[in-house]
Amino acid sequence: MLIARVIGTAISTIKDPKIKGSKLLILKQTDPKGNELGQPFVAVDLVDAGEGELVLTGHGSSARQTNITKDCPVDAVIMAVIDHLNVDGQVVFRKE
């Protein structure tokens, strides 16, 4: 699982029938404090996340273990919106 921030949306009118109707969001991995790292990636949104939110993502075969994405051609899913993160006894992120 990785922490990421939603930075945009991906609109696709032509896609595999197994992911038809799925919302696709563009994410960028972050550290626990919300500082962005690495390259953007696209994930199927399972929890109705919104732009700017910090989310928890699953990747690879784990992304295909949900009821919605089972046996679907996906490599990343958003499975939770993060309310706050506590690291070493310190709150390092709190959703506003």
N, C-alpha and C. Protein backbone atom coordinates (compact mmCIF):
# COMPACT_ATOMS: atom_id res chain seq x y z
N MET A 1 0.85 -1.18 0.00
CA MET A 1 0.00 0.00 0.00
C MET A 1 0.88 1.23 0.00
N LEU A 2 0.42 2.25 -0.71
CA LEU A 2 1.13 3.52 -0.77
C LEU A 2 0.19 4.66 -0.43
N ILE A 3 0.76 5.74 0.07
CA ILE A 3 0.02 6.98 0.31
C ILE A 3 0.20 7.84 -0.93
N ALA A 4 -0.89 8.46 -1.40
CA ALA A 4 -0.80 9.31 -2.58
C ALA A 4 -1.79 10.46 -2.47
N ARG A 5 -1.56 11.51 -3.28
CA ARG A 5 -2.48 12.64 -3.35
C ARG A 5 -3.15 12.62 -4.72
N VAL A 6 -4.45 12.88 -4.73
CA VAL A 6 -5.20 12.98 -5.99
C VAL A 6 -4.85 14.32 -6.63
N ILE A 7 -4.30 14.26 -7.86
CA ILE A 7 -3.90 15.51 -8.53
C ILE A 7 -4.72 15.80 -9.79
N GLY A 8 -5.60 14.87 -10.17
CA GLY A 8 -6.42 15.12 -11.36
C GLY A 8 -7.29 13.93 -11.71
N THR A 9 -7.94 14.03 -12.86
CA THR A 9 -8.82 12.97 -13.34
C THR A 9 -8.36 12.50 -14.71
N ALA A 10 -8.69 11.28 -15.06
CA ALA A 10 -8.43 10.74 -16.39
C ALA A 10 -9.78 10.33 -16.97
N ILE A 11 -10.14 10.92 -18.09
CA ILE A 11 -11.40 10.62 -18.75
C ILE A 11 -11.11 9.72 -19.95
N SER A 12 -11.82 8.60 -20.02
CA SER A 12 -11.64 7.66 -21.12
C SER A 12 -13.00 7.15 -21.56
N THR A 13 -13.38 7.45 -22.80
CA THR A 13 -14.67 6.97 -23.29
C THR A 13 -14.55 5.57 -23.89
N ILE A 14 -13.34 5.18 -24.30
CA ILE A 14 -13.12 3.85 -24.84
C ILE A 14 -12.17 3.12 -23.90
N LYS A 15 -12.66 2.05 -23.25
CA LYS A 15 -11.83 1.29 -22.32
C LYS A 15 -12.33 -0.14 -22.23
N ASP A 16 -11.55 -0.98 -21.59
CA ASP A 16 -11.93 -2.38 -21.41
C ASP A 16 -13.31 -2.45 -20.76
N PRO A 17 -14.19 -3.31 -21.26
CA PRO A 17 -15.54 -3.42 -20.69
C PRO A 17 -15.55 -3.72 -19.19
N LYS A 18 -14.53 -4.40 -18.68
CA LYS A 18 -14.51 -4.75 -17.26
C LYS A 18 -14.31 -3.53 -16.36
N ILE A 19 -13.79 -2.43 -16.89
CA ILE A 19 -13.64 -1.23 -16.05
C ILE A 19 -14.56 -0.10 -16.49
N LYS A 20 -15.49 -0.43 -17.40
CA LYS A 20 -16.46 0.57 -17.84
C LYS A 20 -17.26 1.06 -16.63
N GLY A 21 -17.42 2.35 -16.52
CA GLY A 21 -18.14 2.94 -15.40
C GLY A 21 -17.26 3.25 -14.20
N SER A 22 -16.00 2.86 -14.25
CA SER A 22 -15.07 3.14 -13.14
C SER A 22 -14.48 4.54 -13.29
N LYS A 23 -14.38 5.24 -12.16
CA LYS A 23 -13.76 6.57 -12.14
C LYS A 23 -12.24 6.39 -12.05
N LEU A 24 -11.52 7.07 -12.94
CA LEU A 24 -10.06 7.00 -12.97
C LEU A 24 -9.49 8.32 -12.48
N LEU A 25 -8.59 8.26 -11.51
CA LEU A 25 -7.97 9.47 -10.98
C LEU A 25 -6.46 9.41 -11.17
N ILE A 26 -5.86 10.59 -11.33
CA ILE A 26 -4.41 10.70 -11.43
C ILE A 26 -3.88 11.00 -10.04
N LEU A 27 -2.87 10.22 -9.63
CA LEU A 27 -2.31 10.33 -8.28
C LEU A 27 -0.81 10.56 -8.35
N LYS A 28 -0.28 11.09 -7.26
CA LYS A 28 1.17 11.19 -7.10
C LYS A 28 1.50 10.69 -5.70
N GLN A 29 2.40 9.72 -5.62
CA GLN A 29 2.79 9.17 -4.32
C GLN A 29 3.33 10.28 -3.42
N THR A 30 3.09 10.15 -2.10
CA THR A 30 3.59 11.13 -1.14
C THR A 30 4.26 10.41 0.03
N ASP A 31 5.00 11.20 0.81
CA ASP A 31 5.49 10.68 2.09
C ASP A 31 4.35 10.89 3.10
N PRO A 32 4.50 10.43 4.35
CA PRO A 32 3.40 10.57 5.32
C PRO A 32 2.99 12.02 5.61
N LYS A 33 3.87 12.98 5.35
CA LYS A 33 3.53 14.38 5.59
C LYS A 33 2.83 15.02 4.39
N GLY A 34 2.69 14.26 3.30
CA GLY A 34 2.00 14.78 2.13
C GLY A 34 2.91 15.37 1.08
N ASN A 35 4.23 15.27 1.26
CA ASN A 35 5.17 15.78 0.25
C ASN A 35 5.20 14.81 -0.93
N GLU A 36 5.00 15.33 -2.13
CA GLU A 36 4.90 14.48 -3.32
C GLU A 36 6.24 13.89 -3.72
N LEU A 37 6.19 12.64 -4.21
CA LEU A 37 7.37 11.90 -4.66
C LEU A 37 7.07 11.27 -6.01
N GLY A 38 8.08 11.05 -6.83
CA GLY A 38 7.95 10.22 -8.02
C GLY A 38 7.03 10.74 -9.09
N GLN A 39 6.68 9.82 -9.98
CA GLN A 39 5.87 10.12 -11.16
C GLN A 39 4.38 9.89 -10.89
N PRO A 40 3.51 10.62 -11.60
CA PRO A 40 2.07 10.40 -11.47
C PRO A 40 1.67 9.02 -12.00
N PHE A 41 0.56 8.51 -11.49
CA PHE A 41 0.00 7.25 -11.97
C PHE A 41 -1.52 7.33 -11.89
N VAL A 42 -2.18 6.44 -12.61
CA VAL A 42 -3.65 6.41 -12.65
C VAL A 42 -4.15 5.23 -11.83
N ALA A 43 -5.23 5.45 -11.08
CA ALA A 43 -5.82 4.40 -10.26
C ALA A 43 -7.34 4.43 -10.41
N VAL A 44 -7.95 3.26 -10.26
CA VAL A 44 -9.41 3.15 -10.22
C VAL A 44 -9.85 3.59 -8.83
N ASP A 45 -10.82 4.51 -8.78
CA ASP A 45 -11.31 5.04 -7.50
C ASP A 45 -12.47 4.20 -6.99
N LEU A 46 -12.26 3.54 -5.86
CA LEU A 46 -13.30 2.70 -5.26
C LEU A 46 -14.10 3.42 -4.18
N VAL A 47 -13.65 4.61 -3.75
CA VAL A 47 -14.24 5.25 -2.57
C VAL A 47 -14.71 6.68 -2.81
N ASP A 48 -14.81 7.10 -4.06
CA ASP A 48 -15.26 8.45 -4.42
C ASP A 48 -14.36 9.54 -3.83
N ALA A 49 -13.06 9.38 -4.00
CA ALA A 49 -12.08 10.37 -3.55
C ALA A 49 -12.18 11.62 -4.43
N GLY A 50 -11.66 12.72 -3.91
CA GLY A 50 -11.70 13.97 -4.65
C GLY A 50 -10.32 14.58 -4.83
N GLU A 51 -10.22 15.51 -5.75
CA GLU A 51 -8.95 16.16 -6.03
C GLU A 51 -8.39 16.83 -4.77
N GLY A 52 -7.09 16.63 -4.54
CA GLY A 52 -6.41 17.20 -3.39
C GLY A 52 -6.38 16.29 -2.17
N GLU A 53 -7.21 15.25 -2.15
CA GLU A 53 -7.26 14.37 -0.98
C GLU A 53 -6.07 13.42 -0.93
N LEU A 54 -5.67 13.08 0.30
CA LEU A 54 -4.64 12.08 0.52
C LEU A 54 -5.36 10.74 0.63
N VAL A 55 -4.86 9.73 -0.11
CA VAL A 55 -5.55 8.44 -0.19
C VAL A 55 -4.57 7.30 0.03
N LEU A 56 -5.14 6.13 0.31
CA LEU A 56 -4.37 4.89 0.44
C LEU A 56 -4.64 4.06 -0.81
N THR A 57 -3.56 3.56 -1.42
CA THR A 57 -3.69 2.84 -2.68
C THR A 57 -3.16 1.42 -2.57
N GLY A 58 -3.71 0.54 -3.39
CA GLY A 58 -3.22 -0.83 -3.53
C GLY A 58 -2.73 -1.02 -4.95
N HIS A 59 -1.71 -1.85 -5.13
CA HIS A 59 -1.06 -1.99 -6.44
C HIS A 59 -0.85 -3.45 -6.81
N GLY A 60 -0.67 -3.67 -8.12
CA GLY A 60 -0.39 -5.02 -8.63
C GLY A 60 -1.55 -5.96 -8.38
N SER A 61 -1.23 -7.20 -8.01
CA SER A 61 -2.28 -8.19 -7.81
C SER A 61 -3.23 -7.79 -6.68
N SER A 62 -2.76 -7.02 -5.72
CA SER A 62 -3.64 -6.55 -4.63
C SER A 62 -4.75 -5.65 -5.17
N ALA A 63 -4.48 -4.92 -6.23
CA ALA A 63 -5.48 -4.04 -6.83
C ALA A 63 -6.63 -4.82 -7.45
N ARG A 64 -6.41 -6.09 -7.72
CA ARG A 64 -7.44 -6.93 -8.34
C ARG A 64 -8.14 -7.84 -7.33
N GLN A 65 -8.04 -7.53 -6.05
CA GLN A 65 -8.65 -8.36 -5.01
C GLN A 65 -9.96 -7.80 -4.47
N THR A 66 -10.42 -6.66 -4.97
CA THR A 66 -11.67 -6.09 -4.47
C THR A 66 -12.86 -6.67 -5.24
N ASN A 67 -14.05 -6.51 -4.70
CA ASN A 67 -15.26 -6.97 -5.40
C ASN A 67 -15.43 -6.28 -6.74
N ILE A 68 -15.03 -5.02 -6.82
CA ILE A 68 -15.22 -4.23 -8.04
C ILE A 68 -14.16 -4.54 -9.09
N THR A 69 -12.93 -4.82 -8.68
CA THR A 69 -11.83 -4.99 -9.63
C THR A 69 -11.37 -6.43 -9.83
N LYS A 70 -12.08 -7.37 -9.24
CA LYS A 70 -11.69 -8.78 -9.39
C LYS A 70 -11.64 -9.15 -10.88
N ASP A 71 -10.52 -9.73 -11.30
CA ASP A 71 -10.31 -10.16 -12.68
C ASP A 71 -10.39 -9.02 -13.69
N CYS A 72 -10.06 -7.80 -13.26
CA CYS A 72 -10.05 -6.64 -14.16
C CYS A 72 -8.60 -6.23 -14.46
N PRO A 73 -8.38 -5.61 -15.60
CA PRO A 73 -7.03 -5.20 -15.98
C PRO A 73 -6.61 -3.89 -15.30
N VAL A 74 -6.45 -3.93 -13.99
CA VAL A 74 -6.04 -2.73 -13.24
C VAL A 74 -4.76 -3.02 -12.46
N ASP A 75 -3.97 -1.98 -12.27
CA ASP A 75 -2.72 -2.11 -11.53
C ASP A 75 -2.70 -1.27 -10.26
N ALA A 76 -3.67 -0.36 -10.14
CA ALA A 76 -3.73 0.48 -8.94
C ALA A 76 -5.18 0.84 -8.63
N VAL A 77 -5.51 0.82 -7.32
CA VAL A 77 -6.84 1.22 -6.86
C VAL A 77 -6.71 2.15 -5.65
N ILE A 78 -7.69 3.03 -5.53
CA ILE A 78 -7.81 3.86 -4.32
C ILE A 78 -8.80 3.14 -3.43
N MET A 79 -8.34 2.76 -2.22
CA MET A 79 -9.21 1.98 -1.33
C MET A 79 -9.60 2.70 -0.06
N ALA A 80 -9.02 3.90 0.18
CA ALA A 80 -9.38 4.66 1.38
C ALA A 80 -8.98 6.12 1.22
N VAL A 81 -9.78 7.01 1.80
CA VAL A 81 -9.41 8.42 1.93
C VAL A 81 -8.87 8.58 3.34
N ILE A 82 -7.70 9.19 3.46
CA ILE A 82 -7.03 9.31 4.76
C ILE A 82 -7.54 10.54 5.50
N ASP A 83 -7.96 10.34 6.76
CA ASP A 83 -8.41 11.44 7.61
C ASP A 83 -7.24 12.06 8.37
N HIS A 84 -6.39 11.20 8.94
CA HIS A 84 -5.17 11.71 9.57
C HIS A 84 -4.13 10.59 9.66
N LEU A 85 -2.88 11.00 9.75
CA LEU A 85 -1.77 10.06 9.89
C LEU A 85 -1.01 10.38 11.16
N ASN A 86 -0.73 9.35 11.95
CA ASN A 86 0.02 9.49 13.19
C ASN A 86 1.30 8.66 13.04
N VAL A 87 2.47 9.33 13.07
CA VAL A 87 3.77 8.67 12.91
C VAL A 87 4.62 8.96 14.14
N ASP A 88 5.09 7.93 14.81
CA ASP A 88 5.93 8.06 16.00
C ASP A 88 5.28 8.98 17.04
N GLY A 89 3.98 8.81 17.25
CA GLY A 89 3.27 9.59 18.26
C GLY A 89 2.94 11.01 17.87
N GLN A 90 3.25 11.40 16.65
CA GLN A 90 2.98 12.76 16.17
C GLN A 90 1.98 12.70 15.03
N VAL A 91 0.98 13.58 15.04
CA VAL A 91 0.05 13.69 13.92
C VAL A 91 0.78 14.47 12.83
N VAL A 92 1.07 13.80 11.70
CA VAL A 92 1.81 14.44 10.62
C VAL A 92 0.92 14.90 9.50
N PHE A 93 -0.36 14.43 9.51
CA PHE A 93 -1.34 14.88 8.53
C PHE A 93 -2.71 14.82 9.14
N ARG A 94 -3.50 15.86 8.93
CA ARG A 94 -4.90 15.88 9.36
C ARG A 94 -5.70 16.52 8.24
N LYS A 95 -6.74 15.81 7.79
CA LYS A 95 -7.61 16.33 6.73
C LYS A 95 -8.33 17.57 7.24
N GLU A 96 -8.34 18.58 6.43
CA GLU A 96 -8.99 19.85 6.83
C GLU A 96 -10.47 19.81 6.58
